[in-house]
Amino acid sequence: MSIDITPRNTDTDSSLLEGLFQLVVAGHTGGQEFDQLTSAVYERLQDAYAAQEGKARTLFSRTAA
């Protein structure tokens, strides 16, 4: 079994989360920048979990066969 631990866009991910955090701390949650950052973070989370689920299904299919 091979586990992919290659960092992907970690700097960008950190920057997005930091920007989102700073907007929340400052109370600026009603603007366009907040909406854009929220969408970008949510999309990356969905992609990450979808990739993990796909790997889990593949692994399960192999062990069940």
PDB file of N, CA and C in Angstrom:
ATOM      1  N   MET A   1       0.846  -1.181   0.000  1.00  0.00           N
ATOM      2  CA  MET A   1       0.000   0.000   0.000  1.00  0.00           C
ATOM      3  C   MET A   1       0.887   1.240   0.000  1.00  0.00           C
ATOM      4  N   SER A   2       0.532   2.191  -0.809  1.00  0.00           N
ATOM      5  CA  SER A   2       1.288   3.425  -0.945  1.00  0.00           C
ATOM      6  C   SER A   2       0.429   4.595  -0.476  1.00  0.00           C
ATOM      7  N   ILE A   3       0.991   5.434   0.372  1.00  0.00           N
ATOM      8  CA  ILE A   3       0.281   6.610   0.862  1.00  0.00           C
ATOM      9  C   ILE A   3       0.950   7.843   0.287  1.00  0.00           C
ATOM     10  N   ASP A   4       0.175   8.678  -0.351  1.00  0.00           N
ATOM     11  CA  ASP A   4       0.682   9.904  -0.951  1.00  0.00           C
ATOM     12  C   ASP A   4       0.714  11.003   0.105  1.00  0.00           C
ATOM     13  N   ILE A   5       1.926  11.410   0.498  1.00  0.00           N
ATOM     14  CA  ILE A   5       2.061  12.474   1.499  1.00  0.00           C
ATOM     15  C   ILE A   5       2.688  13.719   0.904  1.00  0.00           C
ATOM     16  N   THR A   6       2.652  13.833  -0.421  1.00  0.00           N
ATOM     17  CA  THR A   6       3.214  14.984  -1.099  1.00  0.00           C
ATOM     18  C   THR A   6       2.399  16.228  -0.770  1.00  0.00           C
ATOM     19  N   PRO A   7       3.046  17.276  -0.261  1.00  0.00           N
ATOM     20  CA  PRO A   7       2.294  18.499   0.047  1.00  0.00           C
ATOM     21  C   PRO A   7       1.750  19.121  -1.228  1.00  0.00           C
ATOM     22  N   ARG A   8       0.513  19.518  -1.189  1.00  0.00           N
ATOM     23  CA  ARG A   8      -0.119  20.146  -2.344  1.00  0.00           C
ATOM     24  C   ARG A   8      -0.622  21.520  -1.950  1.00  0.00           C
ATOM     25  N   ASN A   9      -0.053  22.530  -2.559  1.00  0.00           N
ATOM     26  CA  ASN A   9      -0.532  23.900  -2.363  1.00  0.00           C
ATOM     27  C   ASN A   9      -0.645  24.280  -0.889  1.00  0.00           C
ATOM     28  N   THR A  10       0.257  23.788  -0.058  1.00  0.00           N
ATOM     29  CA  THR A  10       0.142  24.087   1.369  1.00  0.00           C
ATOM     30  C   THR A  10       0.304  25.570   1.664  1.00  0.00           C
ATOM     31  N   ASP A  11       1.183  26.243   0.923  1.00  0.00           N
ATOM     32  CA  ASP A  11       1.344  27.682   1.140  1.00  0.00           C
ATOM     33  C   ASP A  11       0.072  28.426   0.766  1.00  0.00           C
ATOM     34  N   THR A  12      -0.513  28.043  -0.350  1.00  0.00           N
ATOM     35  CA  THR A  12      -1.750  28.686  -0.792  1.00  0.00           C
ATOM     36  C   THR A  12      -2.884  28.381   0.177  1.00  0.00           C
ATOM     37  N   ASP A  13      -2.972  27.123   0.626  1.00  0.00           N
ATOM     38  CA  ASP A  13      -4.009  26.755   1.584  1.00  0.00           C
ATOM     39  C   ASP A  13      -3.869  27.560   2.868  1.00  0.00           C
ATOM     40  N   SER A  14      -2.654  27.676   3.351  1.00  0.00           N
ATOM     41  CA  SER A  14      -2.405  28.442   4.574  1.00  0.00           C
ATOM     42  C   SER A  14      -2.776  29.906   4.392  1.00  0.00           C
ATOM     43  N   SER A  15      -2.447  30.455   3.242  1.00  0.00           N
ATOM     44  CA  SER A  15      -2.775  31.857   2.967  1.00  0.00           C
ATOM     45  C   SER A  15      -4.276  32.081   2.920  1.00  0.00           C
ATOM     46  N   LEU A  16      -4.994  31.143   2.285  1.00  0.00           N
ATOM     47  CA  LEU A  16      -6.452  31.264   2.223  1.00  0.00           C
ATOM     48  C   LEU A  16      -7.063  31.215   3.620  1.00  0.00           C
ATOM     49  N   LEU A  17      -6.612  30.264   4.416  1.00  0.00           N
ATOM     50  CA  LEU A  17      -7.152  30.138   5.769  1.00  0.00           C
ATOM     51  C   LEU A  17      -6.791  31.334   6.631  1.00  0.00           C
ATOM     52  N   GLU A  18      -5.574  31.822   6.491  1.00  0.00           N
ATOM     53  CA  GLU A  18      -5.154  32.999   7.259  1.00  0.00           C
ATOM     54  C   GLU A  18      -5.987  34.215   6.877  1.00  0.00           C
ATOM     55  N   GLY A  19      -6.207  34.403   5.579  1.00  0.00           N
ATOM     56  CA  GLY A  19      -7.027  35.526   5.124  1.00  0.00           C
ATOM     57  C   GLY A  19      -8.449  35.433   5.642  1.00  0.00           C
ATOM     58  N   LEU A  20      -9.001  34.235   5.592  1.00  0.00           N
ATOM     59  CA  LEU A  20     -10.359  34.019   6.098  1.00  0.00           C
ATOM     60  C   LEU A  20     -10.423  34.286   7.598  1.00  0.00           C
ATOM     61  N   PHE A  21      -9.444  33.793   8.324  1.00  0.00           N
ATOM     62  CA  PHE A  21      -9.378  34.008   9.771  1.00  0.00           C
ATOM     63  C   PHE A  21      -9.299  35.494  10.106  1.00  0.00           C
ATOM     64  N   GLN A  22      -8.445  36.218   9.400  1.00  0.00           N
ATOM     65  CA  GLN A  22      -8.281  37.648   9.672  1.00  0.00           C
ATOM     66  C   GLN A  22      -9.586  38.410   9.422  1.00  0.00           C
ATOM     67  N   LEU A  23     -10.298  38.034   8.367  1.00  0.00           N
ATOM     68  CA  LEU A  23     -11.576  38.695   8.093  1.00  0.00           C
ATOM     69  C   LEU A  23     -12.587  38.412   9.199  1.00  0.00           C
ATOM     70  N   VAL A  24     -12.627  37.178   9.681  1.00  0.00           N
ATOM     71  CA  VAL A  24     -13.556  36.813  10.759  1.00  0.00           C
ATOM     72  C   VAL A  24     -13.210  37.566  12.039  1.00  0.00           C
ATOM     73  N   VAL A  25     -11.929  37.598  12.378  1.00  0.00           N
ATOM     74  CA  VAL A  25     -11.494  38.295  13.596  1.00  0.00           C
ATOM     75  C   VAL A  25     -11.863  39.775  13.524  1.00  0.00           C
ATOM     76  N   ALA A  26     -11.719  40.356  12.339  1.00  0.00           N
ATOM     77  CA  ALA A  26     -12.027  41.772  12.173  1.00  0.00           C
ATOM     78  C   ALA A  26     -13.532  42.027  12.035  1.00  0.00           C
ATOM     79  N   GLY A  27     -14.313  40.949  11.914  1.00  0.00           N
ATOM     80  CA  GLY A  27     -15.756  41.095  11.797  1.00  0.00           C
ATOM     81  C   GLY A  27     -16.238  41.421  10.397  1.00  0.00           C
ATOM     82  N   HIS A  28     -15.386  41.232   9.406  1.00  0.00           N
ATOM     83  CA  HIS A  28     -15.734  41.544   8.019  1.00  0.00           C
ATOM     84  C   HIS A  28     -16.222  40.282   7.304  1.00  0.00           C
ATOM     85  N   THR A  29     -17.399  39.816   7.693  1.00  0.00           N
ATOM     86  CA  THR A  29     -17.915  38.564   7.134  1.00  0.00           C
ATOM     87  C   THR A  29     -19.038  38.782   6.127  1.00  0.00           C
ATOM     88  N   GLY A  30     -19.303  40.015   5.780  1.00  0.00           N
ATOM     89  CA  GLY A  30     -20.400  40.292   4.868  1.00  0.00           C
ATOM     90  C   GLY A  30     -19.968  40.757   3.494  1.00  0.00           C
ATOM     91  N   GLY A  31     -18.675  40.778   3.240  1.00  0.00           N
ATOM     92  CA  GLY A  31     -18.203  41.327   1.975  1.00  0.00           C
ATOM     93  C   GLY A  31     -17.869  40.286   0.923  1.00  0.00           C
ATOM     94  N   GLN A  32     -17.526  40.796  -0.243  1.00  0.00           N
ATOM     95  CA  GLN A  32     -17.194  39.945  -1.383  1.00  0.00           C
ATOM     96  C   GLN A  32     -15.911  39.154  -1.140  1.00  0.00           C
ATOM     97  N   GLU A  33     -14.920  39.760  -0.519  1.00  0.00           N
ATOM     98  CA  GLU A  33     -13.659  39.064  -0.248  1.00  0.00           C
ATOM     99  C   GLU A  33     -13.892  37.854   0.663  1.00  0.00           C
ATOM    100  N   PHE A  34     -14.713  38.021   1.683  1.00  0.00           N
ATOM    101  CA  PHE A  34     -15.040  36.912   2.584  1.00  0.00           C
ATOM    102  C   PHE A  34     -15.735  35.789   1.821  1.00  0.00           C
ATOM    103  N   ASP A  35     -16.694  36.153   0.978  1.00  0.00           N
ATOM    104  CA  ASP A  35     -17.412  35.152   0.190  1.00  0.00           C
ATOM    105  C   ASP A  35     -16.471  34.388  -0.739  1.00  0.00           C
ATOM    106  N   GLN A  36     -15.541  35.095  -1.370  1.00  0.00           N
ATOM    107  CA  GLN A  36     -14.590  34.450  -2.276  1.00  0.00           C
ATOM    108  C   GLN A  36     -13.677  33.486  -1.519  1.00  0.00           C
ATOM    109  N   LEU A  37     -13.155  33.933  -0.387  1.00  0.00           N
ATOM    110  CA  LEU A  37     -12.277  33.075   0.409  1.00  0.00           C
ATOM    111  C   LEU A  37     -13.022  31.858   0.949  1.00  0.00           C
ATOM    112  N   THR A  38     -14.249  32.071   1.408  1.00  0.00           N
ATOM    113  CA  THR A  38     -15.059  30.965   1.919  1.00  0.00           C
ATOM    114  C   THR A  38     -15.295  29.933   0.824  1.00  0.00           C
ATOM    115  N   SER A  39     -15.615  30.394  -0.365  1.00  0.00           N
ATOM    116  CA  SER A  39     -15.843  29.480  -1.483  1.00  0.00           C
ATOM    117  C   SER A  39     -14.582  28.713  -1.851  1.00  0.00           C
ATOM    118  N   ALA A  40     -13.457  29.391  -1.875  1.00  0.00           N
ATOM    119  CA  ALA A  40     -12.193  28.739  -2.227  1.00  0.00           C
ATOM    120  C   ALA A  40     -11.809  27.679  -1.191  1.00  0.00           C
ATOM    121  N   VAL A  41     -11.956  28.006   0.086  1.00  0.00           N
ATOM    122  CA  VAL A  41     -11.627  27.057   1.153  1.00  0.00           C
ATOM    123  C   VAL A  41     -12.572  25.861   1.098  1.00  0.00           C
ATOM    124  N   TYR A  42     -13.848  26.120   0.914  1.00  0.00           N
ATOM    125  CA  TYR A  42     -14.845  25.047   0.856  1.00  0.00           C
ATOM    126  C   TYR A  42     -14.574  24.114  -0.325  1.00  0.00           C
ATOM    127  N   GLU A  43     -14.233  24.690  -1.464  1.00  0.00           N
ATOM    128  CA  GLU A  43     -13.931  23.889  -2.654  1.00  0.00           C
ATOM    129  C   GLU A  43     -12.709  22.996  -2.422  1.00  0.00           C
ATOM    130  N   ARG A  44     -11.691  23.538  -1.794  1.00  0.00           N
ATOM    131  CA  ARG A  44     -10.485  22.742  -1.507  1.00  0.00           C
ATOM    132  C   ARG A  44     -10.785  21.625  -0.512  1.00  0.00           C
ATOM    133  N   LEU A  45     -11.615  21.907   0.472  1.00  0.00           N
ATOM    134  CA  LEU A  45     -12.006  20.859   1.422  1.00  0.00           C
ATOM    135  C   LEU A  45     -12.774  19.745   0.721  1.00  0.00           C
ATOM    136  N   GLN A  46     -13.694  20.127  -0.147  1.00  0.00           N
ATOM    137  CA  GLN A  46     -14.450  19.120  -0.887  1.00  0.00           C
ATOM    138  C   GLN A  46     -13.521  18.271  -1.754  1.00  0.00           C
ATOM    139  N   ASP A  47     -12.590  18.916  -2.437  1.00  0.00           N
ATOM    140  CA  ASP A  47     -11.636  18.183  -3.274  1.00  0.00           C
ATOM    141  C   ASP A  47     -10.792  17.225  -2.443  1.00  0.00           C
ATOM    142  N   ALA A  48     -10.347  17.694  -1.288  1.00  0.00           N
ATOM    143  CA  ALA A  48      -9.500  16.858  -0.431  1.00  0.00           C
ATOM    144  C   ALA A  48     -10.264  15.643   0.081  1.00  0.00           C
ATOM    145  N   TYR A  49     -11.490  15.860   0.529  1.00  0.00           N
ATOM    146  CA  TYR A  49     -12.271  14.735   1.048  1.00  0.00           C
ATOM    147  C   TYR A  49     -12.715  13.797  -0.056  1.00  0.00           C
ATOM    148  N   ALA A  50     -13.017  14.322  -1.227  1.00  0.00           N
ATOM    149  CA  ALA A  50     -13.396  13.471  -2.352  1.00  0.00           C
ATOM    150  C   ALA A  50     -12.223  12.588  -2.749  1.00  0.00           C
ATOM    151  N   ALA A  51     -11.020  13.138  -2.742  1.00  0.00           N
ATOM    152  CA  ALA A  51      -9.829  12.359  -3.075  1.00  0.00           C
ATOM    153  C   ALA A  51      -9.598  11.276  -2.029  1.00  0.00           C
ATOM    154  N   GLN A  52      -9.786  11.606  -0.764  1.00  0.00           N
ATOM    155  CA  GLN A  52      -9.607  10.632   0.305  1.00  0.00           C
ATOM    156  C   GLN A  52     -10.650   9.523   0.221  1.00  0.00           C
ATOM    157  N   GLU A  53     -11.894   9.884  -0.070  1.00  0.00           N
ATOM    158  CA  GLU A  53     -12.951   8.881  -0.185  1.00  0.00           C
ATOM    159  C   GLU A  53     -12.675   7.951  -1.343  1.00  0.00           C
ATOM    160  N   GLY A  54     -12.183   8.493  -2.454  1.00  0.00           N
ATOM    161  CA  GLY A  54     -11.855   7.669  -3.606  1.00  0.00           C
ATOM    162  C   GLY A  54     -10.757   6.678  -3.281  1.00  0.00           C
ATOM    163  N   LYS A  55      -9.750   7.103  -2.537  1.00  0.00           N
ATOM    164  CA  LYS A  55      -8.662   6.209  -2.126  1.00  0.00           C
ATOM    165  C   LYS A  55      -9.186   5.139  -1.182  1.00  0.00           C
ATOM    166  N   ALA A  56     -10.078   5.531  -0.274  1.00  0.00           N
ATOM    167  CA  ALA A  56     -10.619   4.567   0.675  1.00  0.00           C
ATOM    168  C   ALA A  56     -11.456   3.520  -0.054  1.00  0.00           C
ATOM    169  N   ARG A  57     -12.260   3.936  -1.017  1.00  0.00           N
ATOM    170  CA  ARG A  57     -13.073   2.985  -1.776  1.00  0.00           C
ATOM    171  C   ARG A  57     -12.194   2.032  -2.568  1.00  0.00           C
ATOM    172  N   THR A  58     -11.129   2.560  -3.177  1.00  0.00           N
ATOM    173  CA  THR A  58     -10.229   1.719  -3.949  1.00  0.00           C
ATOM    174  C   THR A  58      -9.567   0.697  -3.040  1.00  0.00           C
ATOM    175  N   LEU A  59      -9.111   1.117  -1.887  1.00  0.00           N
ATOM    176  CA  LEU A  59      -8.462   0.214  -0.939  1.00  0.00           C
ATOM    177  C   LEU A  59      -9.454  -0.836  -0.461  1.00  0.00           C
ATOM    178  N   PHE A  60     -10.682  -0.427  -0.146  1.00  0.00           N
ATOM    179  CA  PHE A  60     -11.693  -1.361   0.326  1.00  0.00           C
ATOM    180  C   PHE A  60     -12.040  -2.362  -0.767  1.00  0.00           C
ATOM    181  N   SER A  61     -12.163  -1.904  -1.988  1.00  0.00           N
ATOM    182  CA  SER A  61     -12.492  -2.801  -3.094  1.00  0.00           C
ATOM    183  C   SER A  61     -11.423  -3.861  -3.278  1.00  0.00           C
ATOM    184  N   ARG A  62     -10.166  -3.486  -3.112  1.00  0.00           N
ATOM    185  CA  ARG A  62      -9.065  -4.426  -3.274  1.00  0.00           C
ATOM    186  C   ARG A  62      -9.058  -5.467  -2.157  1.00  0.00           C
ATOM    187  N   THR A  63      -9.342  -5.043  -0.931  1.00  0.00           N
ATOM    188  CA  THR A  63      -9.301  -5.993   0.185  1.00  0.00           C
ATOM    189  C   THR A  63     -10.534  -6.860   0.214  1.00  0.00           C
ATOM    190  N   ALA A  64     -11.648  -6.369  -0.299  1.00  0.00           N
ATOM    191  CA  ALA A  64     -12.872  -7.147  -0.293  1.00  0.00           C
ATOM    192  C   ALA A  64     -12.896  -8.185  -1.413  1.00  0.00           C
ATOM    193  N   ALA A  65     -12.128  -7.957  -2.456  1.00  0.00           N
ATOM    194  CA  ALA A  65     -12.144  -8.868  -3.603  1.00  0.00           C
ATOM    195  C   ALA A  65     -11.398 -10.150  -3.359  1.00  0.00           C
TER     196      ALA A  65
END
